[in-house]
Amino acid sequence: MRHPSKKLTALIVVGTLLFTPLTACGNDDNPNEGSGHSFAYTLVGNPDTLDPQLAVNDSAKMVLGNLFEGLFTIDESGSLKPALVTDYSVSEDGLRYLFTLREDSFWYDEMHEDTQFSKDNAVAVTASDFVYAFQRMFNPLYQSPYRETFACIQNAQDIIDGKQDYTMIGVYAKKSNQLEIRLDTPNANFLQLLALTAALPCSEVYFDSTKGRYGLDENSIIGNGGFAMQRWLYDPYGKYNVIQLCRNPLANDVSHVFPIDLSFFIEASDNDAASLFAAGSTDCYVTTQTSMLSRTGITTQSAYSMTLGLVAAPNSPYADPQVMNALALALDREKISANDGDVKTAYGILPPAVTLLNKSCRELIAENVYNRFNVEDAKLALAEGLFSLGQEDLPEGKILVSSGVMDYEPLCSAIEIWEQNLNIHMSIDEVSERDYQNKLNKHDYILALIAVSGDSQDASSTFEDFLVNPNISCDNETAIREWLSGASQAENFNACVELYRNAETSILQDNCFIPLFYKNRYLLCQEGVSDVVFNPFSGQLNFYNAKHFD
């Protein structure tokens, strides 16, 4: 394979530490042992759509990741790897990508075997399917939420601004198996972007045949991945809601797909998902809670992929910049009790699972530089804040938390430190997940513990999740985005790391979010289940090679 230019190679973010699959013992002499199982998993909420260029919710991405195969994917080690791409090259200036595609990937419509997308016709996925997908992404008619994500592509910003037609997006089919993508500005993370569900292919012929229903029901979606749509039942008032996928025979002919089928049960809450897993009705369960970790007969995988931090509601006196500065300065993190393994004390924004060139960001960007603990400065900042508010003291600092998000001992430890150093009375306001979201949406809280986590191990993904969070108001957003833009175009790896450090420092200096803990996300699997690929950031699972041993 021809590789990208030296500049881009040094900056491609490919973590290998934290996406490892669960494994089980089997017979190495039989490469297909463990196949043929019907896997089951619970989705929390119905997919908003199964149109890859429009889908945004986690349920949709989970299904799409198993229905489709794109240019690149994240493998079992967490590394970016080619999927449909057999060869690629990048120009020296980082503005022209040329991809050669596999010719053994086919569209398959399980629901309508009499159509041209049946297993007997074998319609290949071509470069034109990716061109059409990107044109749809930038077609103003569809208002895809991913246009800004791919704004580095040639003409993208002019199309967004209405200055050019969407068909002018810089994605071209040079041959049926050769795709060219041109950029306006270099982006060191561009290959990572091509692993997102939004970059999956779309057949123009099939799309037109759905007459506006594409991705909205079982009769209006086909894929080219290991599984094919078989049934999508959803009634918000019904008791049995499910998406059933069967093994795609065309994909299986190319590379063995181990499960015979997948059933995605659709439930209303995470509690429902937990109950089904506890009852043995599902094979896997992704959670941030620790309540089932000690159960016998399950295997567990985890990664510190989230950062929990303190924010203040806009109408709260705690939102005063100097008050938040006081809280940040008064927190002696070395005295916080956080040694249960679920969380650990955080000084920065990027959690340890974020990687740069296979190293944890926390190895490359040392946290000790963020230790600002100084009680005297904290008291002065609090006095300035109270003076600007015209108040003598602060009301009780109730911290809104979602039920079960963590063992509260570490948070209570932080509260005790604040009370001791600033004489501020604080408490924990634990509510259900639904009430937590409602209160956040209405700004019906004083302080809140919120989570920041990207979709992948890429640092820019975590920063983006931070910047778009409606409950975080960062005055330094413009400067932060400039640092991030610079990092994507940096000349060398050290410069990239330094720019990410600048972005993180800028956030911490703003005091709009006070990091407290790095938090684990967990994959739990029933005994005998192996080789489920787990993304601890998005929570997505890939079942292509999933095995079950009795």
Protein backbone atom coordinates (compact mmCIF):
# COMPACT_ATOMS: atom_id res chain seq x y z
CA MET A 1 0.00 0.00 0.00
CA ARG A 2 1.23 3.47 -0.80
CA HIS A 3 1.21 5.59 2.30
CA PRO A 4 0.37 9.23 2.94
CA SER A 5 3.01 11.92 2.91
CA LYS A 6 5.41 12.01 5.83
CA LYS A 7 3.66 15.07 7.25
CA LEU A 8 0.26 13.41 7.43
CA THR A 9 1.55 10.02 8.47
CA ALA A 10 3.02 11.58 11.59
CA LEU A 11 -0.32 13.06 12.56
CA ILE A 12 -2.85 10.33 11.84
CA VAL A 13 -4.47 9.38 15.12
CA VAL A 14 -4.67 5.62 15.51
CA GLY A 15 -5.18 4.26 19.04
CA THR A 16 -4.31 0.64 19.66
CA LEU A 17 -4.76 0.33 23.40
CA LEU A 18 -8.41 0.44 24.18
CA PHE A 19 -10.66 -1.08 21.53
CA THR A 20 -9.51 -4.65 21.97
CA PRO A 21 -12.20 -7.29 21.54
CA LEU A 22 -13.20 -9.76 24.17
CA THR A 23 -11.72 -13.15 23.44
CA ALA A 24 -12.53 -16.68 24.42
CA CYS A 25 -10.86 -20.03 24.00
CA GLY A 26 -11.79 -21.99 20.91
CA ASN A 27 -10.43 -24.58 18.55
CA ASP A 28 -7.76 -22.89 16.45
CA ASP A 29 -8.02 -25.77 13.94
CA ASN A 30 -11.54 -24.68 13.01
CA PRO A 31 -11.52 -21.04 11.89
CA ASN A 32 -15.32 -20.94 11.86
CA GLU A 33 -15.85 -22.30 15.35
CA GLY A 34 -18.14 -20.08 17.39
CA SER A 35 -20.17 -19.04 14.35
CA GLY A 36 -23.91 -19.45 13.78
CA HIS A 37 -25.11 -17.73 16.97
CA SER A 38 -28.10 -15.38 16.97
CA PHE A 39 -26.87 -12.32 18.84
CA ALA A 40 -29.13 -9.93 20.70
CA TYR A 41 -28.53 -6.41 21.97
CA THR A 42 -30.72 -3.63 23.32
CA LEU A 43 -30.95 -0.19 21.74
CA VAL A 44 -32.10 2.64 24.00
CA GLY A 45 -34.53 4.46 21.73
CA ASN A 46 -35.54 3.94 18.12
CA PRO A 47 -33.10 5.03 15.41
CA ASP A 48 -33.97 8.51 14.16
CA THR A 49 -33.25 7.28 10.63
CA LEU A 50 -31.05 4.68 8.99
CA ASP A 51 -29.93 7.14 6.35
CA PRO A 52 -26.16 7.31 7.05
CA GLN A 53 -25.82 10.89 5.85
CA LEU A 54 -28.51 12.07 8.29
CA ALA A 55 -28.52 9.68 11.27
CA VAL A 56 -27.32 11.20 14.53
CA ASN A 57 -28.54 9.10 17.44
CA ASP A 58 -26.56 6.27 19.01
CA SER A 59 -29.14 3.60 18.13
CA ALA A 60 -28.94 4.48 14.45
CA LYS A 61 -25.13 4.44 14.41
CA MET A 62 -25.09 1.04 16.12
CA VAL A 63 -27.31 -0.47 13.41
CA LEU A 64 -25.60 1.32 10.51
CA GLY A 65 -22.20 0.10 11.64
CA ASN A 66 -23.39 -3.45 11.09
CA LEU A 67 -25.45 -2.82 7.93
CA PHE A 68 -22.76 -1.00 5.97
CA GLU A 69 -19.08 -1.10 5.15
CA GLY A 70 -17.27 2.14 4.30
CA LEU A 71 -13.85 3.20 3.11
CA PHE A 72 -12.21 2.75 6.51
CA THR A 73 -13.13 1.21 9.85
CA ILE A 74 -11.77 0.87 13.37
CA ASP A 75 -10.43 -2.63 13.93
CA GLU A 76 -10.32 -4.82 17.04
CA SER A 77 -7.16 -3.09 18.28
CA GLY A 78 -8.59 0.40 17.87
CA SER A 79 -6.49 1.18 14.81
CA LEU A 80 -7.82 2.78 11.68
CA LYS A 81 -7.75 0.22 8.89
CA PRO A 82 -8.95 0.06 5.28
CA ALA A 83 -12.33 -1.55 4.72
CA LEU A 84 -13.33 -1.09 1.08
CA VAL A 85 -9.99 0.58 0.33
CA THR A 86 -7.23 -1.63 -1.06
CA ASP A 87 -4.73 1.13 -1.78
CA TYR A 88 -4.49 4.86 -1.23
CA SER A 89 -2.12 7.77 -1.64
CA VAL A 90 -2.01 11.35 -0.43
CA SER A 91 -0.36 14.22 -2.26
CA GLU A 92 2.61 15.97 -0.69
CA ASP A 93 0.50 19.06 0.07
CA GLY A 94 -2.15 16.92 1.80
CA LEU A 95 -4.93 18.15 -0.49
CA ARG A 96 -5.54 15.18 -2.80
CA TYR A 97 -6.50 11.67 -1.69
CA LEU A 98 -6.75 8.85 -4.20
CA PHE A 99 -8.36 5.56 -3.14
CA THR A 100 -8.55 2.24 -4.95
CA LEU A 101 -11.61 0.24 -3.89
CA ARG A 102 -12.29 -3.45 -3.53
CA GLU A 103 -14.50 -4.84 -6.27
CA ASP A 104 -16.09 -7.60 -4.18
CA SER A 105 -18.47 -5.47 -2.09
CA PHE A 106 -22.10 -5.66 -3.17
CA TRP A 107 -25.41 -4.03 -2.36
CA TYR A 108 -27.93 -6.49 -0.96
CA ASP A 109 -31.68 -6.17 -0.41
CA GLU A 110 -32.92 -9.03 1.74
CA MET A 111 -36.45 -7.62 1.81
CA HIS A 112 -36.93 -7.70 -1.97
CA GLU A 113 -35.15 -10.64 -3.57
CA ASP A 114 -36.85 -9.91 -6.91
CA THR A 115 -35.09 -6.55 -7.32
CA GLN A 116 -31.77 -5.79 -9.03
CA PHE A 117 -30.09 -5.80 -5.59
CA SER A 118 -30.75 -9.48 -4.96
CA LYS A 119 -28.01 -11.99 -4.21
CA ASP A 120 -28.21 -13.32 -7.76
CA ASN A 121 -27.51 -9.96 -9.39
CA ALA A 122 -24.58 -8.83 -7.21
CA VAL A 123 -24.53 -5.08 -7.91
CA ALA A 124 -21.08 -3.85 -6.87
CA VAL A 125 -20.43 -0.84 -4.69
CA THR A 126 -18.46 1.67 -6.77
CA ALA A 127 -16.73 5.02 -6.37
CA SER A 128 -19.89 6.68 -7.71
CA ASP A 129 -21.79 5.51 -4.61
CA PHE A 130 -19.42 7.53 -2.44
CA VAL A 131 -19.66 10.55 -4.73
CA TYR A 132 -23.45 10.43 -4.43
CA ALA A 133 -23.25 10.01 -0.64
CA PHE A 134 -21.16 13.17 -0.29
CA GLN A 135 -23.35 15.09 -2.71
CA ARG A 136 -26.37 14.18 -0.60
CA MET A 137 -24.51 15.26 2.52
CA PHE A 138 -24.02 18.73 1.03
CA ASN A 139 -27.37 19.00 -0.73
CA PRO A 140 -29.17 21.82 1.14
CA LEU A 141 -32.44 19.94 0.67
CA TYR A 142 -31.40 17.36 3.29
CA GLN A 143 -29.64 19.64 5.80
CA SER A 144 -27.17 16.95 6.84
CA PRO A 145 -25.71 17.63 10.30
CA TYR A 146 -22.32 16.44 9.02
CA ARG A 147 -21.57 19.20 6.52
CA GLU A 148 -19.38 21.13 8.95
CA THR A 149 -17.55 17.94 9.94
CA PHE A 150 -16.40 17.55 6.33
CA ALA A 151 -15.98 21.26 5.61
CA CYS A 152 -12.32 20.68 4.68
CA ILE A 153 -13.39 19.06 1.38
CA GLN A 154 -12.91 21.19 -1.70
CA ASN A 155 -15.80 23.68 -2.24
CA ALA A 156 -17.57 22.51 0.93
CA GLN A 157 -17.66 25.89 2.65
CA ASP A 158 -18.83 27.68 -0.50
CA ILE A 159 -21.62 25.12 -0.87
CA ILE A 160 -22.64 25.60 2.77
CA ASP A 161 -22.66 29.37 2.21
CA GLY A 162 -24.82 28.99 -0.90
CA LYS A 163 -22.10 30.17 -3.30
CA GLN A 164 -21.79 26.89 -5.22
CA ASP A 165 -24.04 23.98 -6.13
CA TYR A 166 -23.75 20.84 -3.98
CA THR A 167 -22.71 18.79 -7.01
CA MET A 168 -19.43 20.72 -6.98
CA ILE A 169 -18.24 19.02 -3.77
CA GLY A 170 -14.68 17.80 -4.33
CA VAL A 171 -15.38 14.05 -4.51
CA TYR A 172 -14.87 12.33 -7.86
CA ALA A 173 -15.19 8.85 -9.38
CA LYS A 174 -12.09 8.52 -11.57
CA LYS A 175 -12.99 4.92 -12.38
CA SER A 176 -15.58 2.53 -11.01
CA ASN A 177 -13.03 1.41 -8.40
CA GLN A 178 -11.07 4.65 -8.04
CA LEU A 179 -12.23 7.50 -5.82
CA GLU A 180 -10.59 10.91 -5.53
CA ILE A 181 -11.26 13.40 -2.74
CA ARG A 182 -9.76 16.87 -2.86
CA LEU A 183 -9.49 19.19 0.13
CA ASP A 184 -9.37 22.97 0.41
CA THR A 185 -7.19 22.73 3.51
CA PRO A 186 -5.06 19.85 4.83
CA ASN A 187 -6.64 17.81 7.61
CA ALA A 188 -4.45 15.31 9.45
CA ASN A 189 -7.57 13.55 10.77
CA PHE A 190 -9.29 13.17 7.40
CA LEU A 191 -8.87 9.40 7.17
CA GLN A 192 -10.44 9.13 10.62
CA LEU A 193 -13.43 11.10 9.34
CA LEU A 194 -13.89 8.54 6.57
CA ALA A 195 -14.58 5.89 9.23
CA LEU A 196 -17.69 7.78 10.42
CA THR A 197 -21.16 6.52 9.49
CA ALA A 198 -21.78 9.77 7.59
CA ALA A 199 -19.13 8.73 5.03
CA LEU A 200 -20.86 5.43 4.16
CA PRO A 201 -21.86 4.88 0.51
CA CYS A 202 -25.30 5.46 -1.00
CA SER A 203 -26.72 3.88 -4.15
CA GLU A 204 -28.40 6.59 -6.23
CA VAL A 205 -30.57 4.04 -8.05
CA TYR A 206 -31.84 2.53 -4.81
CA PHE A 207 -32.25 5.93 -3.14
CA ASP A 208 -34.47 7.15 -5.99
CA SER A 209 -36.55 3.96 -5.81
CA THR A 210 -37.55 4.67 -2.20
CA LYS A 211 -39.40 7.86 -3.22
CA GLY A 212 -38.36 9.88 -0.18
CA ARG A 213 -38.54 7.02 2.33
CA TYR A 214 -34.82 6.15 2.32
CA GLY A 215 -33.72 4.94 5.75
CA LEU A 216 -37.14 5.34 7.35
CA ASP A 217 -38.53 1.79 7.28
CA GLU A 218 -37.55 -1.81 6.64
CA ASN A 219 -38.48 -1.56 2.96
CA SER A 220 -36.31 1.48 2.29
CA ILE A 221 -32.77 0.57 3.31
CA ILE A 222 -30.09 -1.64 1.85
CA GLY A 223 -26.48 -2.02 2.84
CA ASN A 224 -23.22 -3.63 1.82
CA GLY A 225 -22.03 -4.81 5.22
CA GLY A 226 -22.00 -8.12 7.03
CA PHE A 227 -25.72 -7.95 7.78
CA ALA A 228 -28.89 -7.01 5.90
CA MET A 229 -32.19 -5.52 7.02
CA GLN A 230 -34.83 -8.16 7.67
CA ARG A 231 -37.36 -6.47 9.94
CA TRP A 232 -37.89 -3.13 11.66
CA LEU A 233 -40.86 -3.05 14.00
CA TYR A 234 -41.44 0.04 16.08
CA ASP A 235 -44.60 1.28 17.75
CA PRO A 236 -44.02 3.80 20.57
CA TYR A 237 -47.03 2.30 22.34
CA GLY A 238 -46.18 -1.31 21.53
CA LYS A 239 -44.39 -3.89 23.68
CA TYR A 240 -42.29 -5.64 21.03
CA ASN A 241 -40.03 -3.30 19.13
CA VAL A 242 -37.07 -4.76 17.30
CA ILE A 243 -34.69 -4.41 14.35
CA GLN A 244 -33.65 -7.77 12.99
CA LEU A 245 -30.66 -8.18 10.70
CA CYS A 246 -29.68 -11.38 8.92
CA ARG A 247 -26.29 -12.45 7.65
CA ASN A 248 -25.59 -10.89 4.25
CA PRO A 249 -24.86 -13.87 1.94
CA LEU A 250 -22.85 -11.74 -0.51
CA ALA A 251 -20.58 -10.39 2.24
CA ASN A 252 -20.32 -13.85 3.76
CA ASP A 253 -19.03 -15.24 0.46
CA VAL A 254 -16.14 -12.77 0.61
CA SER A 255 -15.30 -12.94 4.32
CA HIS A 256 -17.09 -15.19 6.78
CA VAL A 257 -19.66 -13.37 8.92
CA PHE A 258 -19.86 -15.31 12.17
CA PRO A 259 -23.33 -14.51 13.59
CA ILE A 260 -26.30 -15.91 11.71
CA ASP A 261 -28.36 -12.86 12.62
CA LEU A 262 -28.70 -9.93 15.01
CA SER A 263 -31.72 -8.77 16.99
CA PHE A 264 -31.65 -5.20 18.25
CA PHE A 265 -34.41 -4.85 20.84
CA ILE A 266 -35.65 -1.27 21.11
CA GLU A 267 -36.39 -0.16 24.67
CA ALA A 268 -37.14 3.17 26.31
CA SER A 269 -34.40 3.36 28.92
CA ASP A 270 -31.03 2.07 30.00
CA ASN A 271 -32.74 0.34 32.91
CA ASP A 272 -34.66 -1.77 30.39
CA ALA A 273 -31.41 -2.67 28.64
CA ALA A 274 -29.81 -3.62 31.96
CA SER A 275 -32.76 -5.81 32.92
CA LEU A 276 -32.70 -7.71 29.63
CA PHE A 277 -28.98 -8.36 29.96
CA ALA A 278 -29.31 -9.43 33.61
CA ALA A 279 -32.04 -11.87 32.58
CA GLY A 280 -29.76 -13.36 29.91
CA SER A 281 -31.97 -12.17 27.05
CA THR A 282 -29.17 -10.20 25.39
CA ASP A 283 -25.54 -11.04 24.77
CA CYS A 284 -23.91 -7.67 25.44
CA TYR A 285 -24.54 -4.52 27.40
CA VAL A 286 -22.70 -1.19 27.20
CA THR A 287 -22.89 0.94 30.32
CA THR A 288 -21.17 3.58 32.39
CA GLN A 289 -22.46 2.10 35.63
CA THR A 290 -20.76 -0.45 37.85
CA SER A 291 -23.76 -2.25 39.34
CA MET A 292 -23.33 -5.45 37.30
CA LEU A 293 -19.54 -5.65 37.15
CA SER A 294 -19.35 -8.17 39.97
CA ARG A 295 -21.91 -10.56 38.48
CA THR A 296 -20.62 -14.06 37.81
CA GLY A 297 -20.58 -15.45 34.30
CA ILE A 298 -19.82 -12.24 32.45
CA THR A 299 -16.70 -10.76 30.92
CA THR A 300 -15.90 -7.07 31.11
CA GLN A 301 -13.90 -4.57 29.11
CA SER A 302 -13.46 -0.89 29.94
CA ALA A 303 -11.62 2.30 29.07
CA TYR A 304 -11.36 5.77 30.57
CA SER A 305 -13.10 7.42 27.64
CA MET A 306 -15.14 10.10 29.43
CA THR A 307 -14.35 13.20 31.47
CA LEU A 308 -16.79 14.25 34.19
CA GLY A 309 -16.72 17.91 35.08
CA LEU A 310 -18.59 20.64 36.92
CA VAL A 311 -20.61 23.30 35.11
CA ALA A 312 -22.87 26.06 36.42
CA ALA A 313 -26.31 26.97 35.07
CA PRO A 314 -26.30 30.33 33.24
CA ASN A 315 -28.69 31.88 35.76
CA SER A 316 -26.80 30.56 38.78
CA PRO A 317 -24.50 32.81 40.85
CA TYR A 318 -21.94 30.02 40.52
CA ALA A 319 -21.71 30.90 36.81
CA ASP A 320 -19.80 34.05 37.71
CA PRO A 321 -16.30 33.58 36.18
CA GLN A 322 -14.51 34.41 39.42
CA VAL A 323 -16.70 32.04 41.45
CA MET A 324 -15.89 29.20 39.05
CA ASN A 325 -12.23 30.26 39.16
CA ALA A 326 -12.35 30.02 42.93
CA LEU A 327 -13.76 26.48 42.77
CA ALA A 328 -11.02 25.46 40.33
CA LEU A 329 -8.23 26.98 42.46
CA ALA A 330 -9.53 25.59 45.76
CA LEU A 331 -9.69 21.97 44.63
CA ASP A 332 -6.77 19.93 45.96
CA ARG A 333 -7.13 16.91 43.68
CA GLU A 334 -4.41 14.99 45.51
CA LYS A 335 -6.75 14.69 48.48
CA ILE A 336 -9.74 13.41 46.48
CA SER A 337 -10.57 9.81 47.25
CA ALA A 338 -10.91 8.19 43.82
CA ASN A 339 -9.36 4.76 43.83
CA ASP A 340 -12.25 2.41 43.10
CA GLY A 341 -11.17 1.85 39.48
CA ASP A 342 -14.35 3.30 37.99
CA VAL A 343 -13.14 6.90 38.09
CA LYS A 344 -9.83 8.59 38.67
CA THR A 345 -8.99 12.20 39.37
CA ALA A 346 -8.87 14.44 36.31
CA TYR A 347 -6.85 17.58 35.76
CA GLY A 348 -7.47 17.95 32.03
CA ILE A 349 -10.21 17.68 29.41
CA LEU A 350 -8.91 14.77 27.32
CA PRO A 351 -9.45 11.37 29.00
CA PRO A 352 -6.61 8.79 29.01
CA ALA A 353 -8.27 6.70 26.29
CA VAL A 354 -7.68 9.49 23.78
CA THR A 355 -4.55 8.55 21.87
CA LEU A 356 -2.04 10.25 19.60
CA LEU A 357 0.13 7.88 17.57
CA ASN A 358 -0.71 4.95 19.83
CA LYS A 359 0.14 6.79 23.05
CA SER A 360 -2.33 8.07 25.60
CA CYS A 361 -2.72 11.82 25.35
CA ARG A 362 -2.03 11.97 29.07
CA GLU A 363 1.45 10.57 28.42
CA LEU A 364 2.12 13.26 25.84
CA ILE A 365 0.41 16.17 27.58
CA ALA A 366 1.38 15.93 31.25
CA GLU A 367 -1.37 16.86 33.67
CA ASN A 368 0.85 18.32 36.37
CA VAL A 369 1.03 21.58 34.41
CA TYR A 370 -2.71 21.99 35.03
CA ASN A 371 -2.45 21.79 38.82
CA ARG A 372 -3.53 25.30 39.88
CA PHE A 373 -4.33 24.53 43.52
CA ASN A 374 -3.88 27.68 45.63
CA VAL A 375 -6.22 28.36 48.53
CA GLU A 376 -5.28 32.02 49.00
CA ASP A 377 -5.85 32.82 45.33
CA ALA A 378 -9.14 30.90 45.50
CA LYS A 379 -10.38 33.00 48.42
CA LEU A 380 -9.47 36.22 46.59
CA ALA A 381 -11.29 35.04 43.46
CA LEU A 382 -14.38 34.16 45.52
CA ALA A 383 -14.35 37.59 47.15
CA GLU A 384 -14.18 39.25 43.73
CA GLY A 385 -17.02 37.09 42.48
CA LEU A 386 -19.26 37.88 45.44
CA PHE A 387 -18.50 41.59 45.07
CA SER A 388 -19.50 41.58 41.39
CA LEU A 389 -22.68 39.68 42.30
CA GLY A 390 -23.48 42.05 45.14
CA GLN A 391 -23.79 39.13 47.55
CA GLU A 392 -22.20 38.30 50.89
CA ASP A 393 -22.25 34.55 50.33
CA LEU A 394 -23.42 31.88 47.91
CA PRO A 395 -26.53 29.71 48.11
CA GLU A 396 -26.16 25.99 48.66
CA GLY A 397 -24.28 24.53 45.71
CA LYS A 398 -26.47 21.61 44.76
CA ILE A 399 -24.73 19.45 42.16
CA LEU A 400 -27.14 17.77 39.75
CA VAL A 401 -26.06 14.20 38.91
CA SER A 402 -27.64 11.37 36.96
CA SER A 403 -28.48 8.35 39.08
CA GLY A 404 -25.75 5.71 39.13
CA VAL A 405 -23.21 7.69 37.13
CA MET A 406 -20.54 6.91 39.73
CA ASP A 407 -19.86 6.02 43.33
CA TYR A 408 -20.37 9.37 45.07
CA GLU A 409 -17.53 8.99 47.57
CA PRO A 410 -15.01 10.80 45.29
CA LEU A 411 -17.50 13.59 44.59
CA CYS A 412 -18.27 13.91 48.31
CA SER A 413 -14.53 14.13 48.88
CA ALA A 414 -14.32 17.08 46.45
CA ILE A 415 -17.29 18.75 48.16
CA GLU A 416 -15.58 18.45 51.55
CA ILE A 417 -12.45 20.11 50.12
CA TRP A 418 -14.49 23.03 48.75
CA GLU A 419 -16.34 23.44 52.04
CA GLN A 420 -13.10 23.36 54.00
CA ASN A 421 -11.19 25.78 51.75
CA LEU A 422 -13.98 28.19 50.76
CA ASN A 423 -16.64 27.68 53.43
CA ILE A 424 -19.23 26.94 50.73
CA HIS A 425 -21.98 24.47 51.54
CA MET A 426 -22.54 21.97 48.72
CA SER A 427 -24.59 18.80 48.24
CA ILE A 428 -25.49 16.16 45.65
CA ASP A 429 -28.87 16.28 43.89
CA GLU A 430 -29.29 12.77 42.44
CA VAL A 431 -32.15 12.33 39.95
CA SER A 432 -33.16 9.76 37.34
CA GLU A 433 -31.53 9.87 33.91
CA ARG A 434 -34.72 11.27 32.37
CA ASP A 435 -35.09 14.00 35.02
CA TYR A 436 -31.40 14.77 34.69
CA GLN A 437 -31.74 15.46 30.97
CA ASN A 438 -34.92 17.50 31.48
CA LYS A 439 -33.28 19.66 34.13
CA LEU A 440 -30.22 20.20 31.95
CA ASN A 441 -32.36 21.19 28.98
CA LYS A 442 -34.32 23.69 31.09
CA HIS A 443 -31.25 24.94 33.01
CA ASP A 444 -33.15 23.92 36.12
CA TYR A 445 -30.10 23.39 38.32
CA ILE A 446 -27.37 25.31 40.14
CA LEU A 447 -24.38 23.11 39.36
CA ALA A 448 -24.23 19.90 37.33
CA LEU A 449 -21.83 17.04 36.78
CA ILE A 450 -21.71 16.41 33.03
CA ALA A 451 -19.74 14.04 30.81
CA VAL A 452 -17.60 14.92 27.80
CA SER A 453 -16.63 12.17 25.36
CA GLY A 454 -15.95 12.08 21.64
CA ASP A 455 -17.05 9.45 19.12
CA SER A 456 -13.52 8.13 18.75
CA GLN A 457 -10.08 8.16 20.33
CA ASP A 458 -9.21 11.22 18.23
CA ALA A 459 -8.51 14.27 20.42
CA SER A 460 -10.41 16.59 18.07
CA SER A 461 -13.55 14.48 18.58
CA THR A 462 -13.50 15.05 22.35
CA PHE A 463 -12.86 18.77 21.89
CA GLU A 464 -15.76 19.00 19.45
CA ASP A 465 -18.12 17.26 21.89
CA PHE A 466 -17.06 19.80 24.48
CA LEU A 467 -17.60 22.81 22.21
CA VAL A 468 -21.05 21.78 20.96
CA ASN A 469 -22.37 20.83 24.40
CA PRO A 470 -25.31 23.19 25.06
CA ASN A 471 -24.57 23.20 28.80
CA ILE A 472 -21.03 24.51 28.39
CA SER A 473 -20.55 28.16 27.53
CA CYS A 474 -16.89 28.78 26.77
CA ASP A 475 -15.82 32.37 26.07
CA ASN A 476 -12.61 31.11 24.46
CA GLU A 477 -14.37 29.03 21.78
CA THR A 478 -12.96 31.03 18.86
CA ALA A 479 -9.38 30.67 20.12
CA ILE A 480 -9.90 26.97 20.88
CA ARG A 481 -11.17 26.30 17.36
CA GLU A 482 -8.12 28.10 15.98
CA TRP A 483 -5.82 25.84 18.00
CA LEU A 484 -7.69 22.75 16.76
CA SER A 485 -7.61 23.92 13.17
CA GLY A 486 -3.88 24.49 13.50
CA ALA A 487 -3.40 21.01 14.99
CA SER A 488 -5.10 19.38 11.98
CA GLN A 489 -2.67 21.17 9.65
CA ALA A 490 0.48 20.98 11.81
CA GLU A 491 3.79 20.35 10.08
CA ASN A 492 4.94 17.70 12.55
CA PHE A 493 3.76 15.61 15.45
CA ASN A 494 5.31 17.76 18.19
CA ALA A 495 3.61 20.85 16.79
CA CYS A 496 0.29 18.98 16.75
CA VAL A 497 0.66 17.96 20.41
CA GLU A 498 1.57 21.51 21.39
CA LEU A 499 -1.54 22.93 19.68
CA TYR A 500 -3.78 20.40 21.43
CA ARG A 501 -2.10 21.41 24.70
CA ASN A 502 -2.92 25.05 23.93
CA ALA A 503 -6.56 24.18 23.27
CA GLU A 504 -6.85 22.26 26.54
CA THR A 505 -5.14 25.04 28.48
CA SER A 506 -7.48 27.62 26.98
CA ILE A 507 -10.52 25.64 28.14
CA LEU A 508 -9.18 25.25 31.66
CA GLN A 509 -8.34 28.95 31.93
CA ASP A 510 -11.91 29.80 30.92
CA ASN A 511 -13.29 27.89 33.96
CA CYS A 512 -16.51 27.07 32.11
CA PHE A 513 -15.92 23.39 32.90
CA ILE A 514 -13.96 22.14 35.91
CA PRO A 515 -12.69 18.60 35.22
CA LEU A 516 -13.10 16.29 38.19
CA PHE A 517 -12.90 12.65 37.10
CA TYR A 518 -12.00 10.41 34.20
CA LYS A 519 -14.73 7.81 33.88
CA ASN A 520 -14.84 4.28 32.48
CA ARG A 521 -17.33 3.06 29.91
CA TYR A 522 -17.86 -0.72 30.05
CA LEU A 523 -18.74 -3.54 27.70
CA LEU A 524 -20.28 -6.52 29.49
CA CYS A 525 -20.74 -9.81 27.65
CA GLN A 526 -22.38 -13.07 28.63
CA GLU A 527 -20.14 -16.06 29.22
CA GLY A 528 -18.94 -17.62 25.96
CA VAL A 529 -19.24 -14.42 23.90
CA SER A 530 -16.05 -13.21 22.22
CA ASP A 531 -14.66 -10.95 19.49
CA VAL A 532 -17.23 -8.18 19.79
CA VAL A 533 -15.40 -5.02 18.75
CA PHE A 534 -16.11 -2.24 21.24
CA ASN A 535 -15.70 1.51 20.78
CA PRO A 536 -15.58 2.88 24.37
CA PHE A 537 -16.20 6.44 23.16
CA SER A 538 -19.35 6.06 21.07
CA GLY A 539 -20.36 2.78 22.71
CA GLN A 540 -20.81 1.21 19.28
CA LEU A 541 -20.35 -2.53 18.78
CA ASN A 542 -19.34 -4.39 15.64
CA PHE A 543 -20.64 -7.96 15.49
CA TYR A 544 -19.10 -9.08 12.16
CA ASN A 545 -16.64 -11.48 13.85
CA ALA A 546 -18.57 -12.04 17.08
CA LYS A 547 -18.45 -15.62 18.31
CA HIS A 548 -20.31 -17.66 20.86
CA PHE A 549 -18.85 -20.74 22.52
CA ASP A 550 -21.10 -23.04 24.54
